[in-house]
Amino acid sequence: MFSFASMLSNVQWATPEQVSREHWDVAGILKGRLNQKYRFDVRPLKMHDDIYGKKGTTASKADKIVFELEDKWVIVDAAELHRLIIVKRIKKLLLDELISTLEWNIILPKN
């Protein structure tokens, strides 16, 4: 399976404590797209209330949140997402709404 980490250079995996307390999984520089090292939340989508999604916290130290779909990865800015959730008091968001609402996102095809 082609993992998101293969899209990164200078990869650093989070320790179990960082995963549980800081809510990020892998850090690195997104090859050919970004020139700064970021922490990414790459947890898989899980079934919640009859729909696939991610549960999260605005206390996360992840810089970017990655949604893995069958044919692509969708990366959104965590700080922008957290502001949206706090300001609009949103509990559930659909991925298509995130992509159209947030200013910062990257969609990478899985080749």
N, C-alpha and C. Protein backbone atom coordinates (compact mmCIF):
# COMPACT_ATOMS: atom_id res chain seq x y z
N MET A 1 0.85 -1.19 0.00
CA MET A 1 0.00 0.00 0.00
C MET A 1 0.89 1.24 0.00
N PHE A 2 0.56 2.18 -0.83
CA PHE A 2 1.28 3.44 -0.97
C PHE A 2 0.90 4.34 0.19
N SER A 3 1.84 4.68 1.05
CA SER A 3 1.50 5.46 2.23
C SER A 3 1.77 6.95 2.01
N PHE A 4 1.08 7.75 2.78
CA PHE A 4 1.26 9.20 2.69
C PHE A 4 2.70 9.60 3.01
N ALA A 5 3.34 8.89 3.92
CA ALA A 5 4.71 9.22 4.31
C ALA A 5 5.67 9.17 3.13
N SER A 6 5.35 8.39 2.11
CA SER A 6 6.22 8.33 0.93
C SER A 6 6.17 9.63 0.13
N MET A 7 5.21 10.49 0.42
CA MET A 7 5.09 11.80 -0.23
C MET A 7 5.93 12.86 0.49
N LEU A 8 6.59 12.45 1.59
CA LEU A 8 7.33 13.39 2.43
C LEU A 8 8.83 13.13 2.37
N SER A 9 9.60 14.21 2.57
CA SER A 9 11.03 14.07 2.82
C SER A 9 11.27 14.46 4.27
N ASN A 10 12.43 14.10 4.80
CA ASN A 10 12.77 14.38 6.21
C ASN A 10 11.68 13.87 7.15
N VAL A 11 11.29 12.62 6.95
CA VAL A 11 10.19 12.01 7.72
C VAL A 11 10.60 11.77 9.17
N GLN A 12 9.69 12.14 10.06
CA GLN A 12 9.84 11.88 11.49
C GLN A 12 8.52 11.32 11.99
N TRP A 13 8.55 10.12 12.55
CA TRP A 13 7.34 9.51 13.08
C TRP A 13 7.12 9.97 14.51
N ALA A 14 5.87 10.20 14.87
CA ALA A 14 5.52 10.61 16.23
C ALA A 14 5.70 9.43 17.17
N THR A 15 6.08 9.74 18.40
CA THR A 15 6.15 8.71 19.44
C THR A 15 4.72 8.38 19.87
N PRO A 16 4.50 7.25 20.52
CA PRO A 16 3.15 6.95 21.01
C PRO A 16 2.58 8.06 21.91
N GLU A 17 3.45 8.68 22.71
CA GLU A 17 2.99 9.78 23.57
C GLU A 17 2.56 10.99 22.73
N GLN A 18 3.31 11.31 21.69
CA GLN A 18 2.93 12.43 20.81
C GLN A 18 1.62 12.13 20.09
N VAL A 19 1.43 10.90 19.66
CA VAL A 19 0.18 10.53 18.99
C VAL A 19 -0.99 10.73 19.94
N SER A 20 -0.87 10.27 21.18
CA SER A 20 -2.00 10.36 22.11
C SER A 20 -2.21 11.75 22.70
N ARG A 21 -1.13 12.49 22.93
CA ARG A 21 -1.27 13.81 23.57
C ARG A 21 -1.33 14.97 22.57
N GLU A 22 -0.59 14.84 21.46
CA GLU A 22 -0.49 15.95 20.51
C GLU A 22 -1.30 15.72 19.24
N HIS A 23 -1.76 14.48 19.03
CA HIS A 23 -2.67 14.14 17.93
C HIS A 23 -2.08 14.37 16.54
N TRP A 24 -0.82 13.97 16.36
CA TRP A 24 -0.23 13.95 15.03
C TRP A 24 0.52 12.64 14.87
N ASP A 25 0.78 12.24 13.62
CA ASP A 25 1.34 10.93 13.35
C ASP A 25 2.71 10.97 12.69
N VAL A 26 2.88 11.86 11.73
CA VAL A 26 4.14 11.92 10.99
C VAL A 26 4.44 13.38 10.65
N ALA A 27 5.73 13.71 10.66
CA ALA A 27 6.17 15.06 10.29
C ALA A 27 7.10 14.94 9.10
N GLY A 28 7.10 15.97 8.28
CA GLY A 28 7.99 15.98 7.13
C GLY A 28 7.68 17.13 6.20
N ILE A 29 8.42 17.18 5.12
CA ILE A 29 8.24 18.21 4.09
C ILE A 29 7.55 17.55 2.91
N LEU A 30 6.43 18.09 2.48
CA LEU A 30 5.68 17.54 1.35
C LEU A 30 6.45 17.80 0.07
N LYS A 31 6.98 16.74 -0.53
CA LYS A 31 7.84 16.83 -1.71
C LYS A 31 7.17 17.60 -2.85
N GLY A 32 7.87 18.60 -3.37
CA GLY A 32 7.39 19.34 -4.53
C GLY A 32 6.23 20.27 -4.27
N ARG A 33 5.78 20.37 -3.03
CA ARG A 33 4.62 21.21 -2.72
C ARG A 33 4.89 22.25 -1.64
N LEU A 34 5.54 21.83 -0.59
CA LEU A 34 5.80 22.72 0.54
C LEU A 34 7.29 22.68 0.85
N ASN A 35 7.82 23.75 1.42
CA ASN A 35 9.25 23.76 1.75
C ASN A 35 9.49 23.84 3.25
N GLN A 36 8.46 23.64 4.02
CA GLN A 36 8.56 23.70 5.48
C GLN A 36 8.14 22.34 6.04
N LYS A 37 8.72 21.97 7.15
CA LYS A 37 8.36 20.71 7.81
C LYS A 37 7.09 20.93 8.62
N TYR A 38 6.11 20.06 8.41
CA TYR A 38 4.83 20.13 9.11
C TYR A 38 4.54 18.81 9.79
N ARG A 39 3.67 18.86 10.81
CA ARG A 39 3.17 17.65 11.47
C ARG A 39 1.81 17.34 10.86
N PHE A 40 1.63 16.09 10.49
CA PHE A 40 0.40 15.67 9.81
C PHE A 40 -0.37 14.66 10.66
N ASP A 41 -1.67 14.85 10.72
CA ASP A 41 -2.59 13.88 11.30
C ASP A 41 -3.04 13.00 10.13
N VAL A 42 -2.61 11.76 10.11
CA VAL A 42 -2.94 10.87 8.99
C VAL A 42 -3.82 9.69 9.45
N ARG A 43 -4.48 9.86 10.57
CA ARG A 43 -5.37 8.78 11.03
C ARG A 43 -6.37 8.42 9.94
N PRO A 44 -6.70 7.14 9.83
CA PRO A 44 -7.65 6.74 8.79
C PRO A 44 -9.09 7.17 9.12
N LEU A 45 -9.90 7.22 8.10
CA LEU A 45 -11.32 7.47 8.30
C LEU A 45 -11.93 6.25 8.97
N LYS A 46 -12.86 6.47 9.90
CA LYS A 46 -13.56 5.37 10.59
C LYS A 46 -15.05 5.63 10.55
N MET A 47 -15.82 4.59 10.72
CA MET A 47 -17.27 4.70 10.72
C MET A 47 -17.73 5.32 12.05
N HIS A 48 -18.47 6.44 11.93
CA HIS A 48 -19.06 7.13 13.08
C HIS A 48 -20.49 7.50 12.69
N ASP A 49 -21.45 7.04 13.44
CA ASP A 49 -22.86 7.38 13.17
C ASP A 49 -23.23 7.13 11.71
N ASP A 50 -22.89 5.96 11.21
CA ASP A 50 -23.23 5.52 9.85
C ASP A 50 -22.59 6.35 8.74
N ILE A 51 -21.49 7.03 9.03
CA ILE A 51 -20.76 7.78 8.01
C ILE A 51 -19.26 7.71 8.34
N TYR A 52 -18.43 7.62 7.31
CA TYR A 52 -16.98 7.62 7.54
C TYR A 52 -16.50 9.02 7.87
N GLY A 53 -15.62 9.11 8.85
CA GLY A 53 -15.10 10.41 9.22
C GLY A 53 -13.95 10.29 10.20
N LYS A 54 -13.51 11.44 10.68
CA LYS A 54 -12.46 11.53 11.69
C LYS A 54 -13.00 12.33 12.86
N LYS A 55 -12.73 11.83 14.04
CA LYS A 55 -13.00 12.62 15.24
C LYS A 55 -11.71 13.35 15.55
N GLY A 56 -11.81 14.56 16.01
CA GLY A 56 -10.61 15.32 16.29
C GLY A 56 -10.80 16.26 17.45
N THR A 57 -9.75 17.00 17.74
CA THR A 57 -9.78 17.98 18.82
C THR A 57 -9.08 19.26 18.34
N THR A 58 -9.59 20.37 18.80
CA THR A 58 -8.94 21.63 18.45
C THR A 58 -7.66 21.84 19.25
N ALA A 59 -7.36 20.94 20.17
CA ALA A 59 -6.11 20.99 20.93
C ALA A 59 -4.99 20.26 20.21
N SER A 60 -5.25 19.74 19.03
CA SER A 60 -4.25 19.00 18.26
C SER A 60 -3.05 19.88 17.93
N LYS A 61 -1.87 19.28 17.94
CA LYS A 61 -0.64 19.97 17.54
C LYS A 61 -0.31 19.72 16.07
N ALA A 62 -1.19 18.98 15.36
CA ALA A 62 -0.97 18.73 13.93
C ALA A 62 -1.12 20.06 13.18
N ASP A 63 -0.26 20.26 12.19
CA ASP A 63 -0.34 21.44 11.34
C ASP A 63 -1.32 21.21 10.19
N LYS A 64 -1.35 19.98 9.69
CA LYS A 64 -2.18 19.63 8.55
C LYS A 64 -2.92 18.33 8.86
N ILE A 65 -4.12 18.19 8.34
CA ILE A 65 -4.92 16.99 8.51
C ILE A 65 -5.09 16.35 7.14
N VAL A 66 -4.80 15.06 7.07
CA VAL A 66 -4.83 14.33 5.81
C VAL A 66 -6.02 13.37 5.81
N PHE A 67 -6.82 13.44 4.76
CA PHE A 67 -7.93 12.53 4.55
C PHE A 67 -7.55 11.63 3.38
N GLU A 68 -7.46 10.34 3.63
CA GLU A 68 -7.10 9.41 2.57
C GLU A 68 -8.36 8.83 1.95
N LEU A 69 -8.52 9.06 0.65
CA LEU A 69 -9.62 8.49 -0.11
C LEU A 69 -9.05 7.42 -1.03
N GLU A 70 -9.91 6.74 -1.74
CA GLU A 70 -9.46 5.64 -2.59
C GLU A 70 -8.43 6.07 -3.62
N ASP A 71 -8.61 7.24 -4.23
CA ASP A 71 -7.75 7.66 -5.33
C ASP A 71 -6.95 8.93 -5.06
N LYS A 72 -7.07 9.49 -3.85
CA LYS A 72 -6.36 10.75 -3.57
C LYS A 72 -6.23 10.98 -2.08
N TRP A 73 -5.37 11.94 -1.75
CA TRP A 73 -5.26 12.46 -0.40
C TRP A 73 -5.75 13.90 -0.44
N VAL A 74 -6.50 14.29 0.57
CA VAL A 74 -6.94 15.67 0.73
C VAL A 74 -6.28 16.18 2.00
N ILE A 75 -5.52 17.27 1.87
CA ILE A 75 -4.80 17.84 3.00
C ILE A 75 -5.39 19.21 3.30
N VAL A 76 -5.79 19.42 4.55
CA VAL A 76 -6.34 20.71 4.95
C VAL A 76 -5.50 21.28 6.09
N ASP A 77 -5.54 22.58 6.23
CA ASP A 77 -4.81 23.27 7.28
C ASP A 77 -5.56 23.12 8.60
N ALA A 78 -4.91 22.57 9.61
CA ALA A 78 -5.55 22.31 10.89
C ALA A 78 -5.99 23.60 11.59
N ALA A 79 -5.16 24.62 11.60
CA ALA A 79 -5.52 25.88 12.28
C ALA A 79 -6.75 26.52 11.65
N GLU A 80 -6.80 26.51 10.33
CA GLU A 80 -7.96 27.09 9.63
C GLU A 80 -9.22 26.27 9.94
N LEU A 81 -9.08 24.95 9.94
CA LEU A 81 -10.22 24.09 10.27
C LEU A 81 -10.68 24.33 11.71
N HIS A 82 -9.74 24.45 12.64
CA HIS A 82 -10.10 24.68 14.04
C HIS A 82 -10.82 26.01 14.22
N ARG A 83 -10.36 27.06 13.52
CA ARG A 83 -11.05 28.36 13.60
C ARG A 83 -12.48 28.22 13.10
N LEU A 84 -12.67 27.54 11.99
CA LEU A 84 -14.01 27.33 11.43
C LEU A 84 -14.91 26.61 12.43
N ILE A 85 -14.40 25.56 13.03
CA ILE A 85 -15.17 24.78 14.00
C ILE A 85 -15.56 25.63 15.20
N ILE A 86 -14.63 26.43 15.71
CA ILE A 86 -14.88 27.25 16.90
C ILE A 86 -15.84 28.40 16.59
N VAL A 87 -15.58 29.13 15.52
CA VAL A 87 -16.40 30.30 15.19
C VAL A 87 -17.83 29.90 14.84
N LYS A 88 -17.98 28.85 14.04
CA LYS A 88 -19.32 28.45 13.59
C LYS A 88 -19.96 27.40 14.48
N ARG A 89 -19.22 26.96 15.51
CA ARG A 89 -19.72 25.94 16.45
C ARG A 89 -20.23 24.70 15.71
N ILE A 90 -19.40 24.21 14.82
CA ILE A 90 -19.76 23.07 13.98
C ILE A 90 -19.31 21.78 14.66
N LYS A 91 -20.17 20.77 14.62
CA LYS A 91 -19.84 19.47 15.19
C LYS A 91 -19.46 18.46 14.11
N LYS A 92 -20.12 18.54 12.95
CA LYS A 92 -19.84 17.61 11.86
C LYS A 92 -19.68 18.40 10.57
N LEU A 93 -18.67 17.99 9.79
CA LEU A 93 -18.40 18.64 8.51
C LEU A 93 -18.22 17.56 7.45
N LEU A 94 -18.73 17.79 6.27
CA LEU A 94 -18.49 16.88 5.16
C LEU A 94 -17.22 17.32 4.44
N LEU A 95 -16.47 16.37 3.94
CA LEU A 95 -15.19 16.68 3.30
C LEU A 95 -15.37 17.62 2.11
N ASP A 96 -16.39 17.41 1.30
CA ASP A 96 -16.63 18.32 0.16
C ASP A 96 -16.86 19.75 0.63
N GLU A 97 -17.55 19.91 1.77
CA GLU A 97 -17.77 21.25 2.33
C GLU A 97 -16.45 21.86 2.80
N LEU A 98 -15.60 21.04 3.41
CA LEU A 98 -14.29 21.54 3.86
C LEU A 98 -13.48 22.07 2.69
N ILE A 99 -13.43 21.29 1.64
CA ILE A 99 -12.63 21.68 0.47
C ILE A 99 -13.12 22.99 -0.11
N SER A 100 -14.44 23.17 -0.18
CA SER A 100 -14.97 24.40 -0.78
C SER A 100 -14.96 25.59 0.19
N THR A 101 -14.94 25.33 1.50
CA THR A 101 -15.00 26.40 2.48
C THR A 101 -13.62 26.91 2.89
N LEU A 102 -12.68 25.99 3.10
CA LEU A 102 -11.35 26.39 3.57
C LEU A 102 -10.52 26.95 2.42
N GLU A 103 -9.74 27.96 2.71
CA GLU A 103 -8.88 28.57 1.70
C GLU A 103 -7.67 27.71 1.39
N TRP A 104 -7.13 27.02 2.40
CA TRP A 104 -5.91 26.25 2.22
C TRP A 104 -6.25 24.77 2.17
N ASN A 105 -6.03 24.16 1.03
CA ASN A 105 -6.12 22.70 0.92
C ASN A 105 -5.33 22.26 -0.30
N ILE A 106 -4.88 21.03 -0.24
CA ILE A 106 -4.15 20.42 -1.35
C ILE A 106 -4.79 19.07 -1.61
N ILE A 107 -5.03 18.77 -2.86
CA ILE A 107 -5.54 17.46 -3.25
C ILE A 107 -4.45 16.80 -4.10
N LEU A 108 -3.97 15.65 -3.63
CA LEU A 108 -2.91 14.92 -4.31
C LEU A 108 -3.45 13.59 -4.82
N PRO A 109 -3.34 13.35 -6.11
CA PRO A 109 -3.78 12.05 -6.63
C PRO A 109 -2.81 10.95 -6.20
N LYS A 110 -3.35 9.77 -6.02
CA LYS A 110 -2.51 8.58 -5.77
C LYS A 110 -2.20 7.98 -7.11
N ASN A 111 -1.00 8.09 -7.55
CA ASN A 111 -0.65 7.55 -8.87
C ASN A 111 -0.27 6.11 -8.81
